[in-house]
Amino acid sequence: MGLLRDIRNGASEPGGGWGAAGAVLFWAIVGGALGFGLATALNLPATATSVLIGIGLVLGFCLGFYAGLGTTTLARILSLPGVILELLH
């Protein structure tokens, strides 16, 4: 519940969520890549690979939303790659 409260408070702060889109995109890509890498390292069949990539994407989206909209120091640190991604755009 504390994470959800932190995300709710971050969206209402001035300047809150500035790099949210970049953070969500960055962490979703990282999650999907880690799922794919784990599946290939374990030499799993295609269906299990798809499941691991999906789990990685969902966890990446969750981490990205927390990083982009959170107010804690950890959320701000996790959002830095997303801010850099937004600046490159």
PDB file of N, CA and C in Angstrom:
ATOM      1  N   MET A   1       0.825  -1.193   0.000  1.00  0.00           N
ATOM      2  CA  MET A   1       0.000   0.000   0.000  1.00  0.00           C
ATOM      3  C   MET A   1       0.864   1.249   0.000  1.00  0.00           C
ATOM      4  N   GLY A   2       2.020   1.189   0.625  1.00  0.00           N
ATOM      5  CA  GLY A   2       2.887   2.348   0.650  1.00  0.00           C
ATOM      6  C   GLY A   2       3.370   2.739  -0.734  1.00  0.00           C
ATOM      7  N   LEU A   3       3.622   1.742  -1.593  1.00  0.00           N
ATOM      8  CA  LEU A   3       4.052   2.044  -2.958  1.00  0.00           C
ATOM      9  C   LEU A   3       2.948   2.730  -3.742  1.00  0.00           C
ATOM     10  N   LEU A   4       1.717   2.274  -3.602  1.00  0.00           N
ATOM     11  CA  LEU A   4       0.602   2.892  -4.316  1.00  0.00           C
ATOM     12  C   LEU A   4       0.349   4.310  -3.818  1.00  0.00           C
ATOM     13  N   ARG A   5       0.499   4.526  -2.509  1.00  0.00           N
ATOM     14  CA  ARG A   5       0.329   5.860  -1.947  1.00  0.00           C
ATOM     15  C   ARG A   5       1.425   6.794  -2.463  1.00  0.00           C
ATOM     16  N   ASP A   6       2.641   6.257  -2.579  1.00  0.00           N
ATOM     17  CA  ASP A   6       3.758   7.037  -3.088  1.00  0.00           C
ATOM     18  C   ASP A   6       3.532   7.434  -4.539  1.00  0.00           C
ATOM     19  N   ILE A   7       3.013   6.532  -5.357  1.00  0.00           N
ATOM     20  CA  ILE A   7       2.732   6.834  -6.759  1.00  0.00           C
ATOM     21  C   ILE A   7       1.618   7.878  -6.860  1.00  0.00           C
ATOM     22  N   ARG A   8       0.592   7.757  -6.031  1.00  0.00           N
ATOM     23  CA  ARG A   8      -0.515   8.716  -6.070  1.00  0.00           C
ATOM     24  C   ARG A   8      -0.034  10.112  -5.687  1.00  0.00           C
ATOM     25  N   ASN A   9       0.822  10.210  -4.682  1.00  0.00           N
ATOM     26  CA  ASN A   9       1.332  11.505  -4.258  1.00  0.00           C
ATOM     27  C   ASN A   9       2.281  12.093  -5.292  1.00  0.00           C
ATOM     28  N   GLY A  10       3.025  11.257  -5.986  1.00  0.00           N
ATOM     29  CA  GLY A  10       3.984  11.741  -6.975  1.00  0.00           C
ATOM     30  C   GLY A  10       3.320  12.348  -8.190  1.00  0.00           C
ATOM     31  N   ALA A  11       2.178  11.835  -8.573  1.00  0.00           N
ATOM     32  CA  ALA A  11       1.480  12.368  -9.749  1.00  0.00           C
ATOM     33  C   ALA A  11       0.920  13.756  -9.481  1.00  0.00           C
ATOM     34  N   SER A  12       0.635  14.087  -8.226  1.00  0.00           N
ATOM     35  CA  SER A  12       0.048  15.383  -7.911  1.00  0.00           C
ATOM     36  C   SER A  12       1.089  16.439  -7.558  1.00  0.00           C
ATOM     37  N   GLU A  13       2.356  16.055  -7.383  1.00  0.00           N
ATOM     38  CA  GLU A  13       3.400  17.028  -7.067  1.00  0.00           C
ATOM     39  C   GLU A  13       3.737  17.861  -8.289  1.00  0.00           C
ATOM     40  N   PRO A  14       4.147  19.128  -8.074  1.00  0.00           N
ATOM     41  CA  PRO A  14       4.591  19.912  -9.228  1.00  0.00           C
ATOM     42  C   PRO A  14       5.881  19.319  -9.799  1.00  0.00           C
ATOM     43  N   GLY A  15       5.883  19.068 -11.072  1.00  0.00           N
ATOM     44  CA  GLY A  15       7.044  18.448 -11.718  1.00  0.00           C
ATOM     45  C   GLY A  15       7.115  16.953 -11.529  1.00  0.00           C
ATOM     46  N   GLY A  16       6.153  16.384 -10.827  1.00  0.00           N
ATOM     47  CA  GLY A  16       6.143  14.945 -10.606  1.00  0.00           C
ATOM     48  C   GLY A  16       5.781  14.200 -11.873  1.00  0.00           C
ATOM     49  N   GLY A  17       6.475  13.145 -12.157  1.00  0.00           N
ATOM     50  CA  GLY A  17       6.193  12.357 -13.329  1.00  0.00           C
ATOM     51  C   GLY A  17       6.769  12.918 -14.610  1.00  0.00           C
ATOM     52  N   TRP A  18       7.800  13.784 -14.498  1.00  0.00           N
ATOM     53  CA  TRP A  18       8.377  14.400 -15.684  1.00  0.00           C
ATOM     54  C   TRP A  18       8.978  13.353 -16.612  1.00  0.00           C
ATOM     55  N   GLY A  19       9.717  12.411 -16.068  1.00  0.00           N
ATOM     56  CA  GLY A  19      10.317  11.373 -16.898  1.00  0.00           C
ATOM     57  C   GLY A  19       9.579  10.065 -16.824  1.00  0.00           C
ATOM     58  N   ALA A  20       8.275  10.110 -16.521  1.00  0.00           N
ATOM     59  CA  ALA A  20       7.512   8.883 -16.304  1.00  0.00           C
ATOM     60  C   ALA A  20       7.435   8.020 -17.552  1.00  0.00           C
ATOM     61  N   ALA A  21       7.189   8.624 -18.698  1.00  0.00           N
ATOM     62  CA  ALA A  21       7.074   7.833 -19.919  1.00  0.00           C
ATOM     63  C   ALA A  21       8.395   7.164 -20.266  1.00  0.00           C
ATOM     64  N   GLY A  22       9.469   7.882 -20.114  1.00  0.00           N
ATOM     65  CA  GLY A  22      10.783   7.311 -20.391  1.00  0.00           C
ATOM     66  C   GLY A  22      11.151   6.220 -19.412  1.00  0.00           C
ATOM     67  N   ALA A  23      10.780   6.405 -18.134  1.00  0.00           N
ATOM     68  CA  ALA A  23      11.081   5.394 -17.129  1.00  0.00           C
ATOM     69  C   ALA A  23      10.299   4.113 -17.383  1.00  0.00           C
ATOM     70  N   VAL A  24       9.034   4.256 -17.735  1.00  0.00           N
ATOM     71  CA  VAL A  24       8.209   3.070 -18.028  1.00  0.00           C
ATOM     72  C   VAL A  24       8.774   2.338 -19.238  1.00  0.00           C
ATOM     73  N   LEU A  25       9.101   3.074 -20.275  1.00  0.00           N
ATOM     74  CA  LEU A  25       9.643   2.460 -21.479  1.00  0.00           C
ATOM     75  C   LEU A  25      10.987   1.782 -21.200  1.00  0.00           C
ATOM     76  N   PHE A  26      11.871   2.473 -20.499  1.00  0.00           N
ATOM     77  CA  PHE A  26      13.190   1.914 -20.206  1.00  0.00           C
ATOM     78  C   PHE A  26      13.086   0.639 -19.393  1.00  0.00           C
ATOM     79  N   TRP A  27      12.322   0.670 -18.306  1.00  0.00           N
ATOM     80  CA  TRP A  27      12.255  -0.505 -17.430  1.00  0.00           C
ATOM     81  C   TRP A  27      11.477  -1.648 -18.068  1.00  0.00           C
ATOM     82  N   ALA A  28      10.525  -1.362 -18.964  1.00  0.00           N
ATOM     83  CA  ALA A  28       9.831  -2.435 -19.691  1.00  0.00           C
ATOM     84  C   ALA A  28      10.800  -3.127 -20.643  1.00  0.00           C
ATOM     85  N   ILE A  29      11.639  -2.350 -21.321  1.00  0.00           N
ATOM     86  CA  ILE A  29      12.633  -2.948 -22.212  1.00  0.00           C
ATOM     87  C   ILE A  29      13.622  -3.791 -21.422  1.00  0.00           C
ATOM     88  N   VAL A  30      14.062  -3.273 -20.287  1.00  0.00           N
ATOM     89  CA  VAL A  30      15.001  -4.029 -19.446  1.00  0.00           C
ATOM     90  C   VAL A  30      14.353  -5.319 -18.947  1.00  0.00           C
ATOM     91  N   GLY A  31      13.105  -5.253 -18.499  1.00  0.00           N
ATOM     92  CA  GLY A  31      12.417  -6.455 -18.021  1.00  0.00           C
ATOM     93  C   GLY A  31      12.235  -7.494 -19.108  1.00  0.00           C
ATOM     94  N   GLY A  32      11.832  -7.056 -20.297  1.00  0.00           N
ATOM     95  CA  GLY A  32      11.683  -7.988 -21.413  1.00  0.00           C
ATOM     96  C   GLY A  32      13.006  -8.612 -21.827  1.00  0.00           C
ATOM     97  N   ALA A  33      14.063  -7.808 -21.829  1.00  0.00           N
ATOM     98  CA  ALA A  33      15.385  -8.327 -22.192  1.00  0.00           C
ATOM     99  C   ALA A  33      15.902  -9.322 -21.156  1.00  0.00           C
ATOM    100  N   LEU A  34      15.656  -9.033 -19.880  1.00  0.00           N
ATOM    101  CA  LEU A  34      16.072  -9.986 -18.844  1.00  0.00           C
ATOM    102  C   LEU A  34      15.288 -11.291 -18.929  1.00  0.00           C
ATOM    103  N   GLY A  35      13.991 -11.204 -19.220  1.00  0.00           N
ATOM    104  CA  GLY A  35      13.195 -12.417 -19.400  1.00  0.00           C
ATOM    105  C   GLY A  35      13.683 -13.244 -20.570  1.00  0.00           C
ATOM    106  N   PHE A  36      13.999 -12.575 -21.681  1.00  0.00           N
ATOM    107  CA  PHE A  36      14.512 -13.278 -22.854  1.00  0.00           C
ATOM    108  C   PHE A  36      15.883 -13.884 -22.566  1.00  0.00           C
ATOM    109  N   GLY A  37      16.731 -13.129 -21.903  1.00  0.00           N
ATOM    110  CA  GLY A  37      18.065 -13.638 -21.577  1.00  0.00           C
ATOM    111  C   GLY A  37      18.019 -14.834 -20.645  1.00  0.00           C
ATOM    112  N   LEU A  38      17.138 -14.790 -19.654  1.00  0.00           N
ATOM    113  CA  LEU A  38      16.998 -15.915 -18.733  1.00  0.00           C
ATOM    114  C   LEU A  38      16.464 -17.150 -19.460  1.00  0.00           C
ATOM    115  N   ALA A  39      15.508 -16.949 -20.348  1.00  0.00           N
ATOM    116  CA  ALA A  39      14.936 -18.080 -21.086  1.00  0.00           C
ATOM    117  C   ALA A  39      15.965 -18.718 -22.011  1.00  0.00           C
ATOM    118  N   THR A  40      16.778 -17.902 -22.666  1.00  0.00           N
ATOM    119  CA  THR A  40      17.792 -18.476 -23.556  1.00  0.00           C
ATOM    120  C   THR A  40      18.925 -19.107 -22.769  1.00  0.00           C
ATOM    121  N   ALA A  41      19.254 -18.562 -21.606  1.00  0.00           N
ATOM    122  CA  ALA A  41      20.306 -19.157 -20.780  1.00  0.00           C
ATOM    123  C   ALA A  41      19.888 -20.518 -20.248  1.00  0.00           C
ATOM    124  N   LEU A  42      18.602 -20.669 -19.954  1.00  0.00           N
ATOM    125  CA  LEU A  42      18.089 -21.946 -19.450  1.00  0.00           C
ATOM    126  C   LEU A  42      17.678 -22.886 -20.576  1.00  0.00           C
ATOM    127  N   ASN A  43      17.768 -22.423 -21.828  1.00  0.00           N
ATOM    128  CA  ASN A  43      17.434 -23.228 -22.996  1.00  0.00           C
ATOM    129  C   ASN A  43      15.999 -23.773 -22.907  1.00  0.00           C
ATOM    130  N   LEU A  44      15.058 -22.858 -22.680  1.00  0.00           N
ATOM    131  CA  LEU A  44      13.654 -23.217 -22.528  1.00  0.00           C
ATOM    132  C   LEU A  44      12.953 -23.234 -23.888  1.00  0.00           C
ATOM    133  N   PRO A  45      11.834 -23.978 -23.997  1.00  0.00           N
ATOM    134  CA  PRO A  45      11.071 -23.966 -25.257  1.00  0.00           C
ATOM    135  C   PRO A  45      10.409 -22.605 -25.494  1.00  0.00           C
ATOM    136  N   ALA A  46       9.843 -22.444 -26.676  1.00  0.00           N
ATOM    137  CA  ALA A  46       9.303 -21.148 -27.095  1.00  0.00           C
ATOM    138  C   ALA A  46       8.158 -20.666 -26.201  1.00  0.00           C
ATOM    139  N   THR A  47       7.310 -21.565 -25.744  1.00  0.00           N
ATOM    140  CA  THR A  47       6.186 -21.136 -24.905  1.00  0.00           C
ATOM    141  C   THR A  47       6.677 -20.608 -23.561  1.00  0.00           C
ATOM    142  N   ALA A  48       7.639 -21.292 -22.974  1.00  0.00           N
ATOM    143  CA  ALA A  48       8.189 -20.826 -21.701  1.00  0.00           C
ATOM    144  C   ALA A  48       8.956 -19.515 -21.889  1.00  0.00           C
ATOM    145  N   THR A  49       9.590 -19.361 -23.046  1.00  0.00           N
ATOM    146  CA  THR A  49      10.286 -18.113 -23.338  1.00  0.00           C
ATOM    147  C   THR A  49       9.295 -16.955 -23.410  1.00  0.00           C
ATOM    148  N   SER A  50       8.164 -17.181 -24.048  1.00  0.00           N
ATOM    149  CA  SER A  50       7.130 -16.150 -24.136  1.00  0.00           C
ATOM    150  C   SER A  50       6.597 -15.774 -22.763  1.00  0.00           C
ATOM    151  N   VAL A  51       6.410 -16.754 -21.913  1.00  0.00           N
ATOM    152  CA  VAL A  51       5.916 -16.490 -20.564  1.00  0.00           C
ATOM    153  C   VAL A  51       6.936 -15.664 -19.779  1.00  0.00           C
ATOM    154  N   LEU A  52       8.215 -16.018 -19.856  1.00  0.00           N
ATOM    155  CA  LEU A  52       9.234 -15.270 -19.129  1.00  0.00           C
ATOM    156  C   LEU A  52       9.381 -13.849 -19.660  1.00  0.00           C
ATOM    157  N   ILE A  53       9.265 -13.666 -20.958  1.00  0.00           N
ATOM    158  CA  ILE A  53       9.320 -12.318 -21.513  1.00  0.00           C
ATOM    159  C   ILE A  53       8.118 -11.504 -21.035  1.00  0.00           C
ATOM    160  N   GLY A  54       6.942 -12.108 -21.011  1.00  0.00           N
ATOM    161  CA  GLY A  54       5.745 -11.433 -20.520  1.00  0.00           C
ATOM    162  C   GLY A  54       5.853 -11.047 -19.059  1.00  0.00           C
ATOM    163  N   ILE A  55       6.370 -11.945 -18.246  1.00  0.00           N
ATOM    164  CA  ILE A  55       6.557 -11.641 -16.824  1.00  0.00           C
ATOM    165  C   ILE A  55       7.566 -10.505 -16.659  1.00  0.00           C
ATOM    166  N   GLY A  56       8.631 -10.556 -17.439  1.00  0.00           N
ATOM    167  CA  GLY A  56       9.629  -9.486 -17.388  1.00  0.00           C
ATOM    168  C   GLY A  56       9.052  -8.143 -17.800  1.00  0.00           C
ATOM    169  N   LEU A  57       8.215  -8.136 -18.839  1.00  0.00           N
ATOM    170  CA  LEU A  57       7.586  -6.896 -19.279  1.00  0.00           C
ATOM    171  C   LEU A  57       6.652  -6.325 -18.220  1.00  0.00           C
ATOM    172  N   VAL A  58       5.858  -7.184 -17.602  1.00  0.00           N
ATOM    173  CA  VAL A  58       4.927  -6.713 -16.570  1.00  0.00           C
ATOM    174  C   VAL A  58       5.690  -6.151 -15.377  1.00  0.00           C
ATOM    175  N   LEU A  59       6.722  -6.859 -14.934  1.00  0.00           N
ATOM    176  CA  LEU A  59       7.522  -6.348 -13.820  1.00  0.00           C
ATOM    177  C   LEU A  59       8.238  -5.057 -14.200  1.00  0.00           C
ATOM    178  N   GLY A  60       8.679  -4.967 -15.447  1.00  0.00           N
ATOM    179  CA  GLY A  60       9.312  -3.734 -15.916  1.00  0.00           C
ATOM    180  C   GLY A  60       8.343  -2.565 -15.938  1.00  0.00           C
ATOM    181  N   PHE A  61       7.111  -2.808 -16.396  1.00  0.00           N
ATOM    182  CA  PHE A  61       6.098  -1.757 -16.378  1.00  0.00           C
ATOM    183  C   PHE A  61       5.818  -1.295 -14.951  1.00  0.00           C
ATOM    184  N   CYS A  62       5.691  -2.240 -14.032  1.00  0.00           N
ATOM    185  CA  CYS A  62       5.421  -1.882 -12.636  1.00  0.00           C
ATOM    186  C   CYS A  62       6.557  -1.048 -12.054  1.00  0.00           C
ATOM    187  N   LEU A  63       7.781  -1.471 -12.277  1.00  0.00           N
ATOM    188  CA  LEU A  63       8.937  -0.730 -11.783  1.00  0.00           C
ATOM    189  C   LEU A  63       9.022   0.634 -12.453  1.00  0.00           C
ATOM    190  N   GLY A  64       8.714   0.695 -13.727  1.00  0.00           N
ATOM    191  CA  GLY A  64       8.740   1.968 -14.438  1.00  0.00           C
ATOM    192  C   GLY A  64       7.702   2.952 -13.931  1.00  0.00           C
ATOM    193  N   PHE A  65       6.493   2.478 -13.653  1.00  0.00           N
ATOM    194  CA  PHE A  65       5.473   3.369 -13.104  1.00  0.00           C
ATOM    195  C   PHE A  65       5.863   3.861 -11.719  1.00  0.00           C
ATOM    196  N   TYR A  66       6.450   2.989 -10.917  1.00  0.00           N
ATOM    197  CA  TYR A  66       6.913   3.425  -9.602  1.00  0.00           C
ATOM    198  C   TYR A  66       8.033   4.448  -9.746  1.00  0.00           C
ATOM    199  N   ALA A  67       8.963   4.191 -10.649  1.00  0.00           N
ATOM    200  CA  ALA A  67      10.094   5.103 -10.831  1.00  0.00           C
ATOM    201  C   ALA A  67       9.633   6.450 -11.381  1.00  0.00           C
ATOM    202  N   GLY A  68       8.708   6.441 -12.299  1.00  0.00           N
ATOM    203  CA  GLY A  68       8.273   7.683 -12.918  1.00  0.00           C
ATOM    204  C   GLY A  68       7.363   8.525 -12.056  1.00  0.00           C
ATOM    205  N   LEU A  69       6.563   7.893 -11.221  1.00  0.00           N
ATOM    206  CA  LEU A  69       5.573   8.640 -10.455  1.00  0.00           C
ATOM    207  C   LEU A  69       5.806   8.636  -8.956  1.00  0.00           C
ATOM    208  N   GLY A  70       6.830   7.939  -8.478  1.00  0.00           N
ATOM    209  CA  GLY A  70       7.092   7.879  -7.042  1.00  0.00           C
ATOM    210  C   GLY A  70       7.762   9.134  -6.523  1.00  0.00           C
ATOM    211  N   THR A  71       7.701   9.324  -5.207  1.00  0.00           N
ATOM    212  CA  THR A  71       8.295  10.509  -4.590  1.00  0.00           C
ATOM    213  C   THR A  71       9.494  10.185  -3.720  1.00  0.00           C
ATOM    214  N   THR A  72       9.776   8.925  -3.462  1.00  0.00           N
ATOM    215  CA  THR A  72      10.892   8.579  -2.594  1.00  0.00           C
ATOM    216  C   THR A  72      12.214   8.726  -3.338  1.00  0.00           C
ATOM    217  N   THR A  73      13.290   8.683  -2.575  1.00  0.00           N
ATOM    218  CA  THR A  73      14.622   8.801  -3.164  1.00  0.00           C
ATOM    219  C   THR A  73      14.900   7.634  -4.103  1.00  0.00           C
ATOM    220  N   LEU A  74      14.474   6.435  -3.733  1.00  0.00           N
ATOM    221  CA  LEU A  74      14.672   5.274  -4.591  1.00  0.00           C
ATOM    222  C   LEU A  74      13.954   5.452  -5.926  1.00  0.00           C
ATOM    223  N   ALA A  75      12.745   5.972  -5.896  1.00  0.00           N
ATOM    224  CA  ALA A  75      12.002   6.199  -7.139  1.00  0.00           C
ATOM    225  C   ALA A  75      12.703   7.231  -8.009  1.00  0.00           C
ATOM    226  N   ARG A  76      13.241   8.264  -7.392  1.00  0.00           N
ATOM    227  CA  ARG A  76      13.950   9.291  -8.162  1.00  0.00           C
ATOM    228  C   ARG A  76      15.207   8.725  -8.808  1.00  0.00           C
ATOM    229  N   ILE A  77      15.905   7.862  -8.092  1.00  0.00           N
ATOM    230  CA  ILE A  77      17.113   7.245  -8.652  1.00  0.00           C
ATOM    231  C   ILE A  77      16.741   6.305  -9.796  1.00  0.00           C
ATOM    232  N   LEU A  78      15.682   5.525  -9.622  1.00  0.00           N
ATOM    233  CA  LEU A  78      15.251   4.602 -10.673  1.00  0.00           C
ATOM    234  C   LEU A  78      14.722   5.326 -11.905  1.00  0.00           C
ATOM    235  N   SER A  79      14.297   6.560 -11.753  1.00  0.00           N
ATOM    236  CA  SER A  79      13.761   7.290 -12.899  1.00  0.00           C
ATOM    237  C   SER A  79      14.848   7.965 -13.728  1.00  0.00           C
ATOM    238  N   LEU A  80      16.088   7.992 -13.272  1.00  0.00           N
ATOM    239  CA  LEU A  80      17.153   8.662 -14.010  1.00  0.00           C
ATOM    240  C   LEU A  80      17.343   8.110 -15.427  1.00  0.00           C
ATOM    241  N   PRO A  81      17.367   6.780 -15.645  1.00  0.00           N
ATOM    242  CA  PRO A  81      17.479   6.323 -17.030  1.00  0.00           C
ATOM    243  C   PRO A  81      16.320   6.769 -17.910  1.00  0.00           C
ATOM    244  N   GLY A  82      15.135   6.881 -17.332  1.00  0.00           N
ATOM    245  CA  GLY A  82      13.991   7.362 -18.094  1.00  0.00           C
ATOM    246  C   GLY A  82      14.112   8.826 -18.439  1.00  0.00           C
ATOM    247  N   VAL A  83      14.653   9.625 -17.525  1.00  0.00           N
ATOM    248  CA  VAL A  83      14.864  11.047 -17.813  1.00  0.00           C
ATOM    249  C   VAL A  83      15.882  11.194 -18.928  1.00  0.00           C
ATOM    250  N   ILE A  84      16.951  10.406 -18.888  1.00  0.00           N
ATOM    251  CA  ILE A  84      17.950  10.443 -19.954  1.00  0.00           C
ATOM    252  C   ILE A  84      17.323  10.025 -21.276  1.00  0.00           C
ATOM    253  N   LEU A  85      16.473   9.012 -21.244  1.00  0.00           N
ATOM    254  CA  LEU A  85      15.777   8.590 -22.456  1.00  0.00           C
ATOM    255  C   LEU A  85      14.861   9.682 -22.992  1.00  0.00           C
ATOM    256  N   GLU A  86      14.188  10.397 -22.084  1.00  0.00           N
ATOM    257  CA  GLU A  86      13.344  11.509 -22.514  1.00  0.00           C
ATOM    258  C   GLU A  86      14.178  12.633 -23.128  1.00  0.00           C
ATOM    259  N   LEU A  87      15.349  12.904 -22.579  1.00  0.00           N
ATOM    260  CA  LEU A  87      16.201  13.960 -23.123  1.00  0.00           C
ATOM    261  C   LEU A  87      16.742  13.598 -24.496  1.00  0.00           C
ATOM    262  N   LEU A  88      16.945  12.312 -24.761  1.00  0.00           N
ATOM    263  CA  LEU A  88      17.417  11.883 -26.072  1.00  0.00           C
ATOM    264  C   LEU A  88      16.338  11.996 -27.132  1.00  0.00           C
ATOM    265  N   HIS A  89      15.118  11.992 -26.703  1.00  0.00           N
ATOM    266  CA  HIS A  89      13.994  12.064 -27.642  1.00  0.00           C
ATOM    267  C   HIS A  89      13.892  13.432 -28.167  1.00  0.00           C
TER     268      HIS A  89
END
